[in-house]
Amino acid sequence: MFERRPGAGAEFEHMIASLSGTVIERRADHVVIECGGVGYRVAVSSHTLAQTPQRGREGTLRTHLILRDDGAHLYGFASDDERELFLQLISVAGVGPKMALAVLSGSSVADTRAAIAAGDVKRFQVVPGIGRKTAERVIVELREKIAGELAAVPVAAADAGPRALAREGLVGLGYEPTEAERMLDAAVRDVGDEAEPEELIAAALRTAVKAA
């Protein structure tokens, strides 16, 4: 075991970025992967669990280690996107790792990001342990950042207008191009055709939430 010293948490939390080995246990909230004769207990969301191979098979998880006074806790993810969203969620005051995994278990990464960008507070209130104030805090602290990420496109498309960039962001979320265009038509009526891409995406997603 290593000695915990002040300021060492962040240093150790990036030590184990992934695990590859034999799956020896699968439970509702965690898996155990054996690597080099050592079994690592890794907390996972239901989506990651569903993508984890059955016992006895080889598997790989992206991971994040969190050190606390009660020990070291390892969290696993099926994709880099899921790990990144987990890190964004736990950066919000009042949202711990268990709550973040509960959020990730409730919806896909794309749907969760879309809900944040759209300011859909009700989507988060259905997650066990998240009240209205925490849900609103998640939206306030992450909405602008995630909407901006959804609007990001490759450099080759840098000259495209706001609507084109917003369309790319919606398509990246899984919407068909024609559906994205319909959503943007409604968004333009809401925020105007001179809005920034992230504003258009948020407005389009709000329209989709209302229509659901």
N, C-alpha and C. Protein backbone atom coordinates (compact mmCIF):
# COMPACT_ATOMS: atom_id res chain seq x y z
N MET A 1 0.84 -1.21 0.00
CA MET A 1 0.00 0.00 0.00
C MET A 1 0.87 1.25 0.00
N PHE A 2 0.37 2.31 -0.63
CA PHE A 2 1.12 3.55 -0.63
C PHE A 2 0.72 4.39 0.58
N GLU A 3 1.58 5.30 0.93
CA GLU A 3 1.31 6.21 2.04
C GLU A 3 0.58 7.43 1.53
N ARG A 4 -0.56 7.73 2.11
CA ARG A 4 -1.34 8.91 1.70
C ARG A 4 -0.70 10.16 2.30
N ARG A 5 -0.38 11.12 1.51
CA ARG A 5 0.19 12.36 2.01
C ARG A 5 -0.60 13.54 1.46
N PRO A 6 -0.59 14.67 2.16
CA PRO A 6 -1.38 15.83 1.70
C PRO A 6 -1.04 16.22 0.27
N GLY A 7 -2.10 16.46 -0.53
CA GLY A 7 -1.89 16.90 -1.91
C GLY A 7 -1.59 15.78 -2.89
N ALA A 8 -1.57 14.52 -2.39
CA ALA A 8 -1.19 13.41 -3.28
C ALA A 8 -2.38 12.82 -4.00
N GLY A 9 -3.61 13.22 -3.62
CA GLY A 9 -4.79 12.60 -4.21
C GLY A 9 -4.83 12.66 -5.71
N ALA A 10 -4.71 13.86 -6.28
CA ALA A 10 -4.79 14.03 -7.73
C ALA A 10 -3.70 13.26 -8.44
N GLU A 11 -2.53 13.17 -7.80
CA GLU A 11 -1.41 12.44 -8.40
C GLU A 11 -1.75 10.98 -8.60
N PHE A 12 -2.35 10.34 -7.58
CA PHE A 12 -2.65 8.93 -7.66
C PHE A 12 -3.92 8.63 -8.46
N GLU A 13 -4.85 9.58 -8.51
CA GLU A 13 -6.12 9.33 -9.17
C GLU A 13 -5.98 9.08 -10.66
N HIS A 14 -4.85 9.44 -11.25
CA HIS A 14 -4.64 9.21 -12.69
C HIS A 14 -3.71 8.03 -12.95
N MET A 15 -3.40 7.26 -11.90
CA MET A 15 -2.45 6.16 -12.05
C MET A 15 -3.02 5.01 -12.87
N ILE A 16 -4.29 4.68 -12.66
CA ILE A 16 -4.90 3.53 -13.34
C ILE A 16 -5.92 4.06 -14.33
N ALA A 17 -5.53 4.16 -15.59
CA ALA A 17 -6.41 4.74 -16.62
C ALA A 17 -7.27 3.69 -17.30
N SER A 18 -6.85 2.41 -17.25
CA SER A 18 -7.63 1.34 -17.86
C SER A 18 -7.22 0.01 -17.25
N LEU A 19 -8.09 -0.96 -17.40
CA LEU A 19 -7.81 -2.33 -16.93
C LEU A 19 -8.18 -3.29 -18.04
N SER A 20 -7.30 -4.25 -18.28
CA SER A 20 -7.58 -5.32 -19.24
C SER A 20 -7.24 -6.64 -18.58
N GLY A 21 -8.19 -7.56 -18.60
CA GLY A 21 -7.94 -8.85 -17.98
C GLY A 21 -9.17 -9.73 -18.03
N THR A 22 -9.19 -10.74 -17.18
CA THR A 22 -10.29 -11.70 -17.14
C THR A 22 -11.37 -11.24 -16.18
N VAL A 23 -12.60 -11.23 -16.66
CA VAL A 23 -13.74 -10.87 -15.81
C VAL A 23 -14.04 -12.06 -14.91
N ILE A 24 -13.90 -11.88 -13.60
CA ILE A 24 -14.14 -13.00 -12.68
C ILE A 24 -15.40 -12.81 -11.83
N GLU A 25 -15.99 -11.63 -11.93
CA GLU A 25 -17.23 -11.39 -11.17
C GLU A 25 -18.00 -10.26 -11.81
N ARG A 26 -19.33 -10.42 -11.90
CA ARG A 26 -20.22 -9.38 -12.41
C ARG A 26 -21.38 -9.22 -11.44
N ARG A 27 -21.52 -8.04 -10.86
CA ARG A 27 -22.61 -7.76 -9.94
C ARG A 27 -23.41 -6.57 -10.46
N ALA A 28 -24.50 -6.24 -9.79
CA ALA A 28 -25.38 -5.17 -10.26
C ALA A 28 -24.66 -3.82 -10.31
N ASP A 29 -23.72 -3.60 -9.37
CA ASP A 29 -23.07 -2.29 -9.31
C ASP A 29 -21.56 -2.34 -9.49
N HIS A 30 -21.00 -3.52 -9.74
CA HIS A 30 -19.55 -3.59 -9.91
C HIS A 30 -19.15 -4.86 -10.65
N VAL A 31 -17.92 -4.86 -11.13
CA VAL A 31 -17.32 -6.05 -11.71
C VAL A 31 -15.94 -6.22 -11.08
N VAL A 32 -15.41 -7.43 -11.19
CA VAL A 32 -14.04 -7.69 -10.73
C VAL A 32 -13.26 -8.21 -11.93
N ILE A 33 -12.16 -7.54 -12.24
CA ILE A 33 -11.30 -7.94 -13.35
C ILE A 33 -9.93 -8.34 -12.81
N GLU A 34 -9.50 -9.51 -13.19
CA GLU A 34 -8.20 -10.00 -12.72
C GLU A 34 -7.12 -9.63 -13.73
N CYS A 35 -6.12 -8.89 -13.25
CA CYS A 35 -5.00 -8.46 -14.08
C CYS A 35 -3.70 -8.86 -13.38
N GLY A 36 -2.93 -9.72 -14.00
CA GLY A 36 -1.66 -10.12 -13.42
C GLY A 36 -1.79 -10.76 -12.06
N GLY A 37 -2.84 -11.52 -11.86
CA GLY A 37 -3.04 -12.22 -10.60
C GLY A 37 -3.71 -11.38 -9.52
N VAL A 38 -4.06 -10.13 -9.82
CA VAL A 38 -4.73 -9.26 -8.86
C VAL A 38 -6.14 -8.95 -9.35
N GLY A 39 -7.13 -9.14 -8.49
CA GLY A 39 -8.51 -8.84 -8.85
C GLY A 39 -8.89 -7.43 -8.45
N TYR A 40 -9.29 -6.62 -9.41
CA TYR A 40 -9.66 -5.23 -9.16
C TYR A 40 -11.18 -5.10 -9.14
N ARG A 41 -11.71 -4.61 -8.03
CA ARG A 41 -13.15 -4.38 -7.92
C ARG A 41 -13.44 -2.99 -8.48
N VAL A 42 -14.30 -2.93 -9.51
CA VAL A 42 -14.55 -1.69 -10.22
C VAL A 42 -16.04 -1.38 -10.22
N ALA A 43 -16.42 -0.23 -9.66
CA ALA A 43 -17.82 0.20 -9.67
C ALA A 43 -18.19 0.65 -11.08
N VAL A 44 -19.37 0.26 -11.56
CA VAL A 44 -19.77 0.57 -12.93
C VAL A 44 -21.24 0.97 -12.99
N SER A 45 -21.61 1.64 -14.07
CA SER A 45 -23.01 1.94 -14.33
C SER A 45 -23.66 0.72 -14.96
N SER A 46 -24.98 0.74 -15.04
CA SER A 46 -25.68 -0.39 -15.66
C SER A 46 -25.35 -0.51 -17.14
N HIS A 47 -25.09 0.62 -17.80
CA HIS A 47 -24.74 0.58 -19.22
C HIS A 47 -23.38 -0.07 -19.43
N THR A 48 -22.42 0.25 -18.57
CA THR A 48 -21.11 -0.38 -18.69
C THR A 48 -21.20 -1.86 -18.34
N LEU A 49 -21.98 -2.19 -17.32
CA LEU A 49 -22.14 -3.60 -16.94
C LEU A 49 -22.68 -4.41 -18.12
N ALA A 50 -23.65 -3.83 -18.83
CA ALA A 50 -24.25 -4.55 -19.96
C ALA A 50 -23.24 -4.81 -21.07
N GLN A 51 -22.20 -3.97 -21.17
CA GLN A 51 -21.19 -4.14 -22.21
C GLN A 51 -19.95 -4.90 -21.73
N THR A 52 -19.94 -5.27 -20.45
CA THR A 52 -18.82 -6.02 -19.91
C THR A 52 -18.98 -7.50 -20.25
N PRO A 53 -17.94 -8.16 -20.76
CA PRO A 53 -18.04 -9.58 -21.11
C PRO A 53 -18.45 -10.45 -19.93
N GLN A 54 -18.95 -11.62 -20.23
CA GLN A 54 -19.35 -12.56 -19.19
C GLN A 54 -18.14 -13.09 -18.43
N ARG A 55 -18.39 -13.70 -17.28
CA ARG A 55 -17.31 -14.26 -16.46
C ARG A 55 -16.45 -15.24 -17.27
N GLY A 56 -15.16 -15.12 -17.07
CA GLY A 56 -14.23 -16.00 -17.75
C GLY A 56 -13.71 -15.46 -19.07
N ARG A 57 -14.31 -14.38 -19.54
CA ARG A 57 -13.88 -13.77 -20.80
C ARG A 57 -12.97 -12.56 -20.53
N GLU A 58 -12.24 -12.17 -21.56
CA GLU A 58 -11.35 -11.02 -21.43
C GLU A 58 -12.13 -9.72 -21.68
N GLY A 59 -11.82 -8.70 -20.89
CA GLY A 59 -12.49 -7.42 -21.05
C GLY A 59 -11.58 -6.26 -20.73
N THR A 60 -11.98 -5.09 -21.20
CA THR A 60 -11.22 -3.86 -20.95
C THR A 60 -12.16 -2.75 -20.51
N LEU A 61 -11.78 -2.02 -19.49
CA LEU A 61 -12.55 -0.88 -19.01
C LEU A 61 -11.64 0.34 -18.89
N ARG A 62 -12.15 1.51 -19.28
CA ARG A 62 -11.48 2.75 -18.91
C ARG A 62 -11.77 2.96 -17.43
N THR A 63 -10.85 3.53 -16.69
CA THR A 63 -11.06 3.64 -15.25
C THR A 63 -10.67 5.01 -14.71
N HIS A 64 -11.17 5.27 -13.51
CA HIS A 64 -10.77 6.47 -12.77
C HIS A 64 -10.70 6.09 -11.30
N LEU A 65 -9.59 6.40 -10.67
CA LEU A 65 -9.35 6.08 -9.27
C LEU A 65 -9.61 7.30 -8.40
N ILE A 66 -10.39 7.11 -7.35
CA ILE A 66 -10.66 8.19 -6.40
C ILE A 66 -10.19 7.76 -5.02
N LEU A 67 -9.35 8.58 -4.40
CA LEU A 67 -8.83 8.30 -3.07
C LEU A 67 -9.61 9.08 -2.03
N ARG A 68 -10.05 8.36 -0.99
CA ARG A 68 -10.75 8.99 0.11
C ARG A 68 -10.18 8.44 1.41
N ASP A 69 -10.62 9.02 2.51
CA ASP A 69 -10.12 8.59 3.81
C ASP A 69 -10.45 7.13 4.09
N ASP A 70 -11.55 6.63 3.49
CA ASP A 70 -11.93 5.24 3.73
C ASP A 70 -11.32 4.27 2.73
N GLY A 71 -10.44 4.76 1.87
CA GLY A 71 -9.74 3.87 0.95
C GLY A 71 -9.74 4.35 -0.49
N ALA A 72 -9.28 3.48 -1.38
CA ALA A 72 -9.20 3.78 -2.81
C ALA A 72 -10.40 3.15 -3.51
N HIS A 73 -11.07 3.92 -4.36
CA HIS A 73 -12.26 3.45 -5.05
C HIS A 73 -12.04 3.58 -6.55
N LEU A 74 -12.25 2.48 -7.26
CA LEU A 74 -12.00 2.44 -8.70
C LEU A 74 -13.33 2.40 -9.44
N TYR A 75 -13.47 3.25 -10.45
CA TYR A 75 -14.70 3.34 -11.24
C TYR A 75 -14.38 3.01 -12.70
N GLY A 76 -15.25 2.21 -13.32
CA GLY A 76 -14.97 1.74 -14.68
C GLY A 76 -16.03 2.19 -15.68
N PHE A 77 -15.59 2.32 -16.94
CA PHE A 77 -16.47 2.85 -17.98
C PHE A 77 -16.23 2.11 -19.30
N ALA A 78 -17.31 1.94 -20.05
CA ALA A 78 -17.21 1.25 -21.33
C ALA A 78 -16.61 2.12 -22.42
N SER A 79 -16.61 3.44 -22.22
CA SER A 79 -16.09 4.34 -23.25
C SER A 79 -15.44 5.56 -22.61
N ASP A 80 -14.62 6.24 -23.39
CA ASP A 80 -14.00 7.48 -22.93
C ASP A 80 -15.06 8.55 -22.70
N ASP A 81 -16.11 8.56 -23.52
CA ASP A 81 -17.18 9.56 -23.37
C ASP A 81 -17.89 9.40 -22.02
N GLU A 82 -18.13 8.14 -21.63
CA GLU A 82 -18.81 7.92 -20.36
C GLU A 82 -17.92 8.37 -19.20
N ARG A 83 -16.63 8.07 -19.28
CA ARG A 83 -15.72 8.51 -18.22
C ARG A 83 -15.66 10.03 -18.14
N GLU A 84 -15.61 10.69 -19.29
CA GLU A 84 -15.55 12.15 -19.31
C GLU A 84 -16.81 12.76 -18.69
N LEU A 85 -17.98 12.19 -19.00
CA LEU A 85 -19.22 12.71 -18.43
C LEU A 85 -19.24 12.46 -16.91
N PHE A 86 -18.75 11.31 -16.47
CA PHE A 86 -18.64 11.02 -15.04
C PHE A 86 -17.80 12.09 -14.34
N LEU A 87 -16.66 12.44 -14.93
CA LEU A 87 -15.78 13.44 -14.33
C LEU A 87 -16.45 14.81 -14.30
N GLN A 88 -17.21 15.12 -15.34
CA GLN A 88 -17.93 16.39 -15.35
C GLN A 88 -19.00 16.42 -14.26
N LEU A 89 -19.70 15.31 -14.09
CA LEU A 89 -20.75 15.25 -13.08
C LEU A 89 -20.20 15.39 -11.67
N ILE A 90 -19.11 14.69 -11.36
CA ILE A 90 -18.59 14.76 -9.99
C ILE A 90 -17.88 16.08 -9.71
N SER A 91 -17.69 16.89 -10.75
CA SER A 91 -17.12 18.23 -10.53
C SER A 91 -18.17 19.19 -9.98
N VAL A 92 -19.44 18.78 -10.04
CA VAL A 92 -20.54 19.61 -9.53
C VAL A 92 -20.69 19.38 -8.03
N ALA A 93 -20.76 20.45 -7.27
CA ALA A 93 -20.90 20.35 -5.82
C ALA A 93 -22.16 19.55 -5.47
N GLY A 94 -22.01 18.58 -4.59
CA GLY A 94 -23.15 17.78 -4.16
C GLY A 94 -23.36 16.51 -4.95
N VAL A 95 -22.58 16.32 -6.02
CA VAL A 95 -22.69 15.11 -6.83
C VAL A 95 -21.45 14.24 -6.59
N GLY A 96 -21.65 13.13 -5.91
CA GLY A 96 -20.56 12.21 -5.64
C GLY A 96 -20.49 11.12 -6.69
N PRO A 97 -19.50 10.24 -6.60
CA PRO A 97 -19.35 9.16 -7.59
C PRO A 97 -20.56 8.24 -7.70
N LYS A 98 -21.15 7.87 -6.57
CA LYS A 98 -22.31 6.98 -6.62
C LYS A 98 -23.49 7.64 -7.33
N MET A 99 -23.70 8.91 -7.05
CA MET A 99 -24.79 9.62 -7.71
C MET A 99 -24.51 9.76 -9.20
N ALA A 100 -23.25 10.03 -9.55
CA ALA A 100 -22.88 10.16 -10.96
C ALA A 100 -23.12 8.85 -11.70
N LEU A 101 -22.79 7.72 -11.06
CA LEU A 101 -23.05 6.42 -11.70
C LEU A 101 -24.55 6.18 -11.85
N ALA A 102 -25.34 6.65 -10.88
CA ALA A 102 -26.78 6.51 -10.98
C ALA A 102 -27.32 7.30 -12.18
N VAL A 103 -26.77 8.49 -12.40
CA VAL A 103 -27.16 9.30 -13.57
C VAL A 103 -26.80 8.56 -14.85
N LEU A 104 -25.58 8.01 -14.90
CA LEU A 104 -25.13 7.30 -16.09
C LEU A 104 -25.93 6.02 -16.32
N SER A 105 -26.45 5.43 -15.25
CA SER A 105 -27.25 4.21 -15.38
C SER A 105 -28.64 4.52 -15.92
N GLY A 106 -29.12 5.75 -15.70
CA GLY A 106 -30.48 6.08 -16.08
C GLY A 106 -30.67 6.38 -17.55
N SER A 107 -29.62 6.85 -18.23
CA SER A 107 -29.72 7.20 -19.65
C SER A 107 -28.38 6.98 -20.32
N SER A 108 -28.40 6.92 -21.64
CA SER A 108 -27.14 6.82 -22.38
C SER A 108 -26.37 8.12 -22.22
N VAL A 109 -25.09 8.09 -22.53
CA VAL A 109 -24.26 9.29 -22.46
C VAL A 109 -24.84 10.38 -23.35
N ALA A 110 -25.22 10.02 -24.56
CA ALA A 110 -25.77 11.01 -25.50
C ALA A 110 -27.04 11.64 -24.96
N ASP A 111 -27.95 10.83 -24.40
CA ASP A 111 -29.21 11.36 -23.87
C ASP A 111 -28.97 12.25 -22.66
N THR A 112 -28.03 11.86 -21.81
CA THR A 112 -27.73 12.66 -20.62
C THR A 112 -27.14 14.00 -21.01
N ARG A 113 -26.21 13.98 -21.95
CA ARG A 113 -25.62 15.24 -22.42
C ARG A 113 -26.68 16.12 -23.08
N ALA A 114 -27.58 15.51 -23.83
CA ALA A 114 -28.65 16.27 -24.48
C ALA A 114 -29.57 16.90 -23.44
N ALA A 115 -29.86 16.15 -22.36
CA ALA A 115 -30.73 16.67 -21.30
C ALA A 115 -30.08 17.86 -20.60
N ILE A 116 -28.78 17.78 -20.38
CA ILE A 116 -28.07 18.89 -19.74
C ILE A 116 -28.09 20.11 -20.66
N ALA A 117 -27.77 19.91 -21.93
CA ALA A 117 -27.75 21.02 -22.88
C ALA A 117 -29.12 21.66 -23.03
N ALA A 118 -30.17 20.86 -22.89
CA ALA A 118 -31.54 21.37 -23.04
C ALA A 118 -32.08 21.96 -21.74
N GLY A 119 -31.34 21.82 -20.64
CA GLY A 119 -31.81 22.33 -19.36
C GLY A 119 -32.97 21.53 -18.81
N ASP A 120 -33.00 20.22 -19.08
CA ASP A 120 -34.10 19.35 -18.67
C ASP A 120 -33.91 18.91 -17.21
N VAL A 121 -34.32 19.75 -16.28
CA VAL A 121 -34.15 19.46 -14.85
C VAL A 121 -34.92 18.21 -14.45
N LYS A 122 -36.11 18.01 -14.98
CA LYS A 122 -36.94 16.87 -14.59
C LYS A 122 -36.27 15.54 -14.89
N ARG A 123 -35.47 15.48 -15.95
CA ARG A 123 -34.78 14.24 -16.30
C ARG A 123 -33.87 13.79 -15.15
N PHE A 124 -33.25 14.75 -14.46
CA PHE A 124 -32.33 14.41 -13.38
C PHE A 124 -33.03 14.15 -12.06
N GLN A 125 -34.20 14.72 -11.88
CA GLN A 125 -34.92 14.52 -10.63
C GLN A 125 -35.42 13.09 -10.46
N VAL A 126 -35.51 12.34 -11.54
CA VAL A 126 -35.96 10.95 -11.41
C VAL A 126 -34.83 10.04 -10.95
N VAL A 127 -33.60 10.54 -10.93
CA VAL A 127 -32.46 9.74 -10.47
C VAL A 127 -32.49 9.69 -8.95
N PRO A 128 -32.43 8.50 -8.35
CA PRO A 128 -32.46 8.38 -6.88
C PRO A 128 -31.37 9.24 -6.23
N GLY A 129 -31.78 10.03 -5.25
CA GLY A 129 -30.81 10.85 -4.52
C GLY A 129 -30.63 12.26 -5.05
N ILE A 130 -31.18 12.53 -6.24
CA ILE A 130 -31.04 13.88 -6.80
C ILE A 130 -32.33 14.66 -6.63
N GLY A 131 -32.27 15.72 -5.83
CA GLY A 131 -33.41 16.60 -5.65
C GLY A 131 -33.38 17.73 -6.67
N ARG A 132 -34.36 18.60 -6.58
CA ARG A 132 -34.45 19.68 -7.57
C ARG A 132 -33.23 20.59 -7.52
N LYS A 133 -32.76 20.95 -6.32
CA LYS A 133 -31.63 21.87 -6.21
C LYS A 133 -30.37 21.29 -6.83
N THR A 134 -30.13 20.00 -6.58
CA THR A 134 -28.94 19.37 -7.18
C THR A 134 -29.08 19.28 -8.68
N ALA A 135 -30.28 18.94 -9.16
CA ALA A 135 -30.53 18.85 -10.60
C ALA A 135 -30.29 20.21 -11.26
N GLU A 136 -30.77 21.27 -10.63
CA GLU A 136 -30.57 22.61 -11.18
C GLU A 136 -29.09 22.99 -11.18
N ARG A 137 -28.36 22.56 -10.14
CA ARG A 137 -26.94 22.87 -10.07
C ARG A 137 -26.18 22.17 -11.20
N VAL A 138 -26.55 20.93 -11.50
CA VAL A 138 -25.93 20.20 -12.61
C VAL A 138 -26.13 20.96 -13.91
N ILE A 139 -27.36 21.42 -14.13
CA ILE A 139 -27.67 22.15 -15.36
C ILE A 139 -26.89 23.45 -15.43
N VAL A 140 -26.91 24.21 -14.35
CA VAL A 140 -26.25 25.53 -14.34
C VAL A 140 -24.74 25.39 -14.59
N GLU A 141 -24.11 24.41 -13.94
CA GLU A 141 -22.66 24.31 -14.01
C GLU A 141 -22.15 23.62 -15.29
N LEU A 142 -22.98 22.77 -15.90
CA LEU A 142 -22.49 22.00 -17.05
C LEU A 142 -23.15 22.36 -18.38
N ARG A 143 -24.25 23.06 -18.35
CA ARG A 143 -25.02 23.29 -19.58
C ARG A 143 -24.21 23.98 -20.66
N GLU A 144 -23.60 25.10 -20.33
CA GLU A 144 -22.87 25.88 -21.33
C GLU A 144 -21.69 25.08 -21.89
N LYS A 145 -20.98 24.38 -21.02
CA LYS A 145 -19.82 23.61 -21.46
C LYS A 145 -20.23 22.49 -22.41
N ILE A 146 -21.28 21.74 -22.04
CA ILE A 146 -21.68 20.61 -22.87
C ILE A 146 -22.33 21.07 -24.16
N ALA A 147 -23.12 22.13 -24.11
CA ALA A 147 -23.71 22.67 -25.35
C ALA A 147 -22.61 23.11 -26.30
N GLY A 148 -21.54 23.71 -25.74
CA GLY A 148 -20.41 24.11 -26.56
C GLY A 148 -19.70 22.92 -27.18
N GLU A 149 -19.57 21.83 -26.41
CA GLU A 149 -18.94 20.62 -26.93
C GLU A 149 -19.76 20.01 -28.06
N LEU A 150 -21.08 20.04 -27.91
CA LEU A 150 -21.95 19.48 -28.95
C LEU A 150 -21.86 20.29 -30.23
N ALA A 151 -21.54 21.58 -30.09
CA ALA A 151 -21.45 22.44 -31.27
C ALA A 151 -20.08 22.37 -31.93
N ALA A 152 -19.12 21.74 -31.26
CA ALA A 152 -17.76 21.66 -31.81
C ALA A 152 -17.74 20.75 -33.02
N VAL A 153 -16.97 21.13 -34.03
CA VAL A 153 -16.83 20.34 -35.25
C VAL A 153 -15.37 20.32 -35.65
N PRO A 154 -14.98 19.43 -36.57
CA PRO A 154 -13.59 19.41 -37.04
C PRO A 154 -13.17 20.74 -37.65
N VAL A 155 -11.89 21.00 -37.67
CA VAL A 155 -11.36 22.25 -38.21
C VAL A 155 -11.79 22.48 -39.64
N ALA A 156 -11.95 21.42 -40.40
CA ALA A 156 -12.32 21.55 -41.80
C ALA A 156 -13.67 22.24 -41.97
N ALA A 157 -14.51 22.17 -40.91
CA ALA A 157 -15.83 22.79 -41.02
C ALA A 157 -15.90 24.11 -40.27
N ALA A 158 -14.75 24.66 -39.94
CA ALA A 158 -14.70 25.85 -39.10
C ALA A 158 -15.39 27.05 -39.74
N ASP A 159 -15.49 27.07 -41.07
CA ASP A 159 -16.09 28.21 -41.75
C ASP A 159 -17.60 28.10 -41.87
N ALA A 160 -18.17 26.99 -41.40
CA ALA A 160 -19.61 26.80 -41.49
C ALA A 160 -20.32 27.76 -40.55
N GLY A 161 -21.57 28.10 -40.88
CA GLY A 161 -22.33 29.01 -40.06
C GLY A 161 -22.85 28.34 -38.80
N PRO A 162 -23.44 29.14 -37.88
CA PRO A 162 -23.94 28.61 -36.61
C PRO A 162 -24.95 27.48 -36.79
N ARG A 163 -25.85 27.62 -37.76
CA ARG A 163 -26.86 26.58 -37.93
C ARG A 163 -26.22 25.27 -38.39
N ALA A 164 -25.26 25.35 -39.30
CA ALA A 164 -24.59 24.15 -39.78
C ALA A 164 -23.83 23.46 -38.64
N LEU A 165 -23.20 24.27 -37.80
CA LEU A 165 -22.47 23.70 -36.66
C LEU A 165 -23.43 23.06 -35.67
N ALA A 166 -24.57 23.72 -35.45
CA ALA A 166 -25.58 23.16 -34.55
C ALA A 166 -26.13 21.85 -35.12
N ARG A 167 -26.35 21.80 -36.43
CA ARG A 167 -26.84 20.58 -37.06
C ARG A 167 -25.85 19.44 -36.86
N GLU A 168 -24.55 19.74 -37.01
CA GLU A 168 -23.53 18.72 -36.80
C GLU A 168 -23.58 18.20 -35.37
N GLY A 169 -23.81 19.11 -34.43
CA GLY A 169 -23.89 18.69 -33.03
C GLY A 169 -25.08 17.78 -32.78
N LEU A 170 -26.23 18.09 -33.36
CA LEU A 170 -27.42 17.26 -33.19
C LEU A 170 -27.25 15.90 -33.86
N VAL A 171 -26.65 15.91 -35.03
CA VAL A 171 -26.39 14.63 -35.73
C VAL A 171 -25.43 13.79 -34.88
N GLY A 172 -24.46 14.45 -34.25
CA GLY A 172 -23.54 13.74 -33.38
C GLY A 172 -24.23 13.10 -32.19
N LEU A 173 -25.38 13.66 -31.79
CA LEU A 173 -26.16 13.08 -30.70
C LEU A 173 -27.01 11.89 -31.16
N GLY A 174 -27.08 11.68 -32.45
CA GLY A 174 -27.84 10.54 -32.96
C GLY A 174 -29.09 10.89 -33.73
N TYR A 175 -29.38 12.18 -33.90
CA TYR A 175 -30.56 12.58 -34.66
C TYR A 175 -30.27 12.48 -36.16
N GLU A 176 -31.27 12.11 -36.91
CA GLU A 176 -31.13 12.08 -38.36
C GLU A 176 -31.04 13.52 -38.88
N PRO A 177 -30.32 13.75 -39.98
CA PRO A 177 -30.16 15.11 -40.51
C PRO A 177 -31.48 15.83 -40.74
N THR A 178 -32.46 15.11 -41.31
CA THR A 178 -33.75 15.76 -41.57
C THR A 178 -34.46 16.14 -40.26
N GLU A 179 -34.33 15.27 -39.25
CA GLU A 179 -34.94 15.56 -37.95
C GLU A 179 -34.23 16.75 -37.30
N ALA A 180 -32.91 16.79 -37.44
CA ALA A 180 -32.13 17.90 -36.88
C ALA A 180 -32.56 19.22 -37.51
N GLU A 181 -32.83 19.20 -38.81
CA GLU A 181 -33.27 20.41 -39.50
C GLU A 181 -34.62 20.89 -38.97
N ARG A 182 -35.54 19.95 -38.75
CA ARG A 182 -36.85 20.33 -38.21
C ARG A 182 -36.70 20.94 -36.82
N MET A 183 -35.84 20.34 -36.02
CA MET A 183 -35.60 20.84 -34.67
C MET A 183 -35.01 22.25 -34.71
N LEU A 184 -34.11 22.47 -35.67
CA LEU A 184 -33.48 23.78 -35.78
C LEU A 184 -34.44 24.84 -36.31
N ASP A 185 -35.39 24.42 -37.15
CA ASP A 185 -36.42 25.36 -37.60
C ASP A 185 -37.17 25.91 -36.39
N ALA A 186 -37.53 25.02 -35.46
CA ALA A 186 -38.24 25.45 -34.26
C ALA A 186 -37.33 26.28 -33.36
N ALA A 187 -36.04 25.90 -33.31
CA ALA A 187 -35.09 26.63 -32.47
C ALA A 187 -34.90 28.05 -32.94
N VAL A 188 -34.83 28.23 -34.26
CA VAL A 188 -34.66 29.58 -34.83
C VAL A 188 -35.84 30.46 -34.48
N ARG A 189 -37.04 29.90 -34.48
CA ARG A 189 -38.22 30.69 -34.09
C ARG A 189 -38.15 31.10 -32.63
N ASP A 190 -37.44 30.31 -31.84
CA ASP A 190 -37.34 30.56 -30.40
C ASP A 190 -36.23 31.57 -30.06
N VAL A 191 -35.04 31.38 -30.65
CA VAL A 191 -33.89 32.20 -30.26
C VAL A 191 -33.36 33.10 -31.37
N GLY A 192 -33.91 32.96 -32.58
CA GLY A 192 -33.46 33.80 -33.69
C GLY A 192 -32.37 33.14 -34.51
N ASP A 193 -32.21 33.58 -35.74
CA ASP A 193 -31.26 32.93 -36.65
C ASP A 193 -29.83 33.44 -36.49
N GLU A 194 -29.61 34.38 -35.57
CA GLU A 194 -28.25 34.86 -35.32
C GLU A 194 -27.66 34.30 -34.02
N ALA A 195 -28.34 33.33 -33.43
CA ALA A 195 -27.88 32.72 -32.18
C ALA A 195 -26.62 31.90 -32.41
N GLU A 196 -25.85 31.72 -31.36
CA GLU A 196 -24.65 30.90 -31.43
C GLU A 196 -25.04 29.42 -31.53
N PRO A 197 -24.14 28.55 -32.04
CA PRO A 197 -24.46 27.13 -32.20
C PRO A 197 -24.96 26.46 -30.93
N GLU A 198 -24.29 26.76 -29.78
CA GLU A 198 -24.72 26.12 -28.53
C GLU A 198 -26.12 26.57 -28.12
N GLU A 199 -26.48 27.83 -28.43
CA GLU A 199 -27.83 28.32 -28.13
C GLU A 199 -28.86 27.60 -29.00
N LEU A 200 -28.52 27.41 -30.27
CA LEU A 200 -29.42 26.70 -31.18
C LEU A 200 -29.62 25.26 -30.75
N ILE A 201 -28.54 24.60 -30.34
CA ILE A 201 -28.64 23.21 -29.89
C ILE A 201 -29.53 23.12 -28.66
N ALA A 202 -29.28 23.99 -27.68
CA ALA A 202 -30.08 23.97 -26.46
C ALA A 202 -31.55 24.21 -26.76
N ALA A 203 -31.85 25.18 -27.63
CA ALA A 203 -33.24 25.47 -27.99
C ALA A 203 -33.87 24.31 -28.74
N ALA A 204 -33.12 23.68 -29.64
CA ALA A 204 -33.63 22.53 -30.38
C ALA A 204 -33.95 21.37 -29.45
N LEU A 205 -33.09 21.14 -28.47
CA LEU A 205 -33.31 20.04 -27.54
C LEU A 205 -34.49 20.34 -26.61
N ARG A 206 -34.64 21.61 -26.23
CA ARG A 206 -35.81 21.98 -25.42
C ARG A 206 -37.09 21.69 -26.17
N THR A 207 -37.10 22.00 -27.47
CA THR A 207 -38.28 21.73 -28.29
C THR A 207 -38.57 20.24 -28.34
N ALA A 208 -37.51 19.44 -28.48
CA ALA A 208 -37.69 17.99 -28.55
C ALA A 208 -38.24 17.45 -27.24
N VAL A 209 -37.77 18.00 -26.11
CA VAL A 209 -38.25 17.57 -24.79
C VAL A 209 -39.74 17.89 -24.63
N LYS A 210 -40.14 19.09 -25.06
CA LYS A 210 -41.55 19.48 -24.95
C LYS A 210 -42.46 18.60 -25.81
N ALA A 211 -41.93 18.20 -26.96
CA ALA A 211 -42.73 17.41 -27.91
C ALA A 211 -42.85 15.95 -27.48
N ALA A 212 -41.90 15.51 -26.61
CA ALA A 212 -41.89 14.08 -26.21
C ALA A 212 -43.09 13.73 -25.34
